[in-house]
């Protein structure tokens, strides 16, 4: 009986320690649908090419967009996105031929922008705000919708 109670307490502690996630939601354009897991309390709003997910305190924002790349490279697209956002470009790094990471500051908010090219489409992921741990978990949950 003691072992059973200990096991139940252990499982309960694990359950309470893990952040709660509301479940998978599907977004994206018809040519490239995807799912992400949205944490409880975070609000996911769909848009033309993807979605934006905002933390309960509205201090952190995760955005993902999928679009056609028009033959442009990840580096070219990152530069265009940086110009469109305005603000200050802090750094740009080509991670490989298909991925570029751009760090920027817009209106005092630091952002990490990852651009990934895959064939004729590209994906842009923007992490803005202090809760990078949760936003990274959202990004890690990304998968193609079947």
Protein backbone atom coordinates (compact mmCIF):
# COMPACT_ATOMS: atom_id res chain seq x y z
CA UNK A 1 0.00 0.00 0.00
CA UNK A 2 2.86 2.41 0.81
CA UNK A 3 4.39 1.78 -2.61
CA UNK A 4 1.08 2.54 -4.31
CA UNK A 5 0.65 5.82 -2.38
CA UNK A 6 4.26 6.80 -3.08
CA UNK A 7 3.80 6.07 -6.78
CA UNK A 8 0.59 8.15 -6.87
CA UNK A 9 2.33 11.06 -5.13
CA UNK A 10 5.24 10.86 -7.58
CA UNK A 11 2.90 10.90 -10.61
CA UNK A 12 0.94 13.82 -9.13
CA UNK A 13 4.15 15.80 -8.61
CA UNK A 14 5.20 15.19 -12.21
CA UNK A 15 1.81 16.24 -13.50
CA UNK A 16 1.89 19.48 -11.50
CA UNK A 17 5.47 20.28 -12.51
CA UNK A 18 4.79 20.07 -16.25
CA UNK A 19 3.23 23.08 -17.97
CA UNK A 20 -0.32 22.45 -19.11
CA UNK A 21 -0.93 22.40 -22.85
CA UNK A 22 -4.38 22.85 -24.34
CA UNK A 23 -3.69 20.57 -27.28
CA UNK A 24 -2.89 20.59 -30.95
CA UNK A 25 -4.41 23.20 -33.23
CA UNK A 26 -4.14 23.34 -37.02
CA UNK A 27 -3.22 26.47 -38.99
CA UNK A 28 -1.60 27.57 -42.25
CA UNK A 29 -2.49 28.05 -45.90
CA UNK A 30 -4.19 25.28 -47.89
CA UNK A 31 -0.90 24.28 -49.55
CA UNK A 32 0.91 23.78 -46.24
CA UNK A 33 -1.22 23.11 -43.16
CA UNK A 34 0.55 22.49 -39.83
CA UNK A 35 -0.24 21.81 -36.19
CA UNK A 36 1.25 23.26 -33.02
CA UNK A 37 0.49 22.59 -29.39
CA UNK A 38 -0.88 25.70 -27.67
CA UNK A 39 -0.30 26.03 -23.90
CA UNK A 40 -3.27 26.52 -21.58
CA UNK A 41 -3.99 30.21 -21.12
CA UNK A 42 -2.21 31.25 -24.32
CA UNK A 43 -4.44 32.64 -27.08
CA UNK A 44 -3.92 31.41 -30.64
CA UNK A 45 -5.26 33.59 -33.44
CA UNK A 46 -5.19 32.31 -37.04
CA UNK A 47 -4.18 34.62 -39.89
CA UNK A 48 -3.64 34.26 -43.65
CA UNK A 49 -0.50 32.12 -43.56
CA UNK A 50 -0.37 30.79 -40.02
CA UNK A 51 -1.06 32.07 -36.54
CA UNK A 52 0.03 34.18 -33.63
CA UNK A 53 0.05 32.79 -30.08
CA UNK A 54 0.11 35.28 -27.19
CA UNK A 55 0.92 34.59 -23.53
CA UNK A 56 -1.70 35.24 -20.84
CA UNK A 57 0.20 38.33 -19.63
CA UNK A 58 0.57 39.54 -23.26
CA UNK A 59 4.33 39.99 -22.80
CA UNK A 60 5.37 37.12 -25.09
CA UNK A 61 4.27 36.37 -28.63
CA UNK A 62 4.98 33.41 -30.91
CA UNK A 63 4.14 33.80 -34.60
CA UNK A 64 4.49 31.32 -37.43
CA UNK A 65 3.78 32.00 -41.11
CA UNK A 66 4.07 29.82 -44.21
CA UNK A 67 4.18 31.32 -47.72
CA UNK A 68 5.62 30.79 -51.19
CA UNK A 69 9.23 31.96 -51.39
CA UNK A 70 9.26 33.25 -54.99
CA UNK A 71 12.70 31.68 -55.53
CA UNK A 72 14.34 33.68 -52.74
CA UNK A 73 16.84 32.21 -50.29
CA UNK A 74 16.41 32.16 -46.51
CA UNK A 75 18.98 34.95 -46.22
CA UNK A 76 17.19 37.16 -48.76
CA UNK A 77 13.84 36.57 -47.09
CA UNK A 78 15.26 37.32 -43.62
CA UNK A 79 16.61 40.66 -44.87
CA UNK A 80 13.22 41.55 -46.38
CA UNK A 81 11.39 40.60 -43.17
CA UNK A 82 13.86 42.64 -41.10
CA UNK A 83 13.28 45.69 -43.30
CA UNK A 84 9.50 45.26 -43.12
CA UNK A 85 9.53 45.05 -39.31
CA UNK A 86 11.53 48.22 -38.96
CA UNK A 87 13.41 48.68 -35.73
CA UNK A 88 17.04 47.72 -35.24
CA UNK A 89 18.66 44.59 -36.68
CA UNK A 90 20.96 43.18 -33.98
CA UNK A 91 22.39 40.23 -35.90
CA UNK A 92 21.87 37.94 -38.88
CA UNK A 93 23.26 34.41 -39.07
CA UNK A 94 22.94 31.88 -41.88
CA UNK A 95 22.58 28.58 -40.01
CA UNK A 96 22.85 26.66 -43.30
CA UNK A 97 21.73 27.13 -46.92
CA UNK A 98 18.05 26.85 -45.95
CA UNK A 99 17.89 28.59 -42.55
CA UNK A 100 18.66 32.12 -41.40
CA UNK A 101 18.31 33.51 -37.88
CA UNK A 102 17.71 37.23 -37.50
CA UNK A 103 17.69 39.03 -34.15
CA UNK A 104 16.00 42.42 -34.00
CA UNK A 105 14.62 44.97 -31.59
CA UNK A 106 11.36 46.70 -32.44
CA UNK A 107 9.86 49.28 -30.08
CA UNK A 108 12.08 48.00 -27.25
CA UNK A 109 11.03 44.35 -27.74
CA UNK A 110 13.75 41.86 -28.70
CA UNK A 111 12.76 39.30 -31.31
CA UNK A 112 14.28 36.16 -32.73
CA UNK A 113 13.18 35.48 -36.30
CA UNK A 114 13.93 32.15 -37.95
CA UNK A 115 13.40 31.80 -41.70
CA UNK A 116 13.40 28.29 -43.17
CA UNK A 117 13.15 27.61 -46.91
CA UNK A 118 11.76 24.27 -48.07
CA UNK A 119 11.40 23.92 -51.83
CA UNK A 120 9.05 26.60 -53.13
CA UNK A 121 7.76 27.63 -49.70
CA UNK A 122 9.20 29.18 -46.57
CA UNK A 123 8.32 29.35 -42.91
CA UNK A 124 8.94 32.33 -40.64
CA UNK A 125 8.93 31.86 -36.87
CA UNK A 126 9.04 34.96 -34.65
CA UNK A 127 9.64 34.76 -30.90
CA UNK A 128 9.11 38.05 -29.07
CA UNK A 129 9.16 38.62 -25.34
CA UNK A 130 10.64 37.03 -22.25
CA UNK A 131 9.01 33.55 -22.16
CA UNK A 132 11.39 31.87 -24.60
CA UNK A 133 11.10 28.51 -22.84
CA UNK A 134 7.37 28.16 -23.55
CA UNK A 135 7.69 29.60 -27.05
CA UNK A 136 10.45 27.09 -27.81
CA UNK A 137 8.14 24.27 -26.66
CA UNK A 138 5.47 25.58 -29.03
CA UNK A 139 8.01 25.67 -31.87
CA UNK A 140 9.21 22.15 -31.04
CA UNK A 141 5.61 20.89 -31.30
CA UNK A 142 5.36 22.04 -34.95
CA UNK A 143 4.47 19.28 -37.42
CA UNK A 144 2.89 19.00 -40.84
CA UNK A 145 -0.85 18.37 -40.71
CA UNK A 146 -1.84 15.18 -42.47
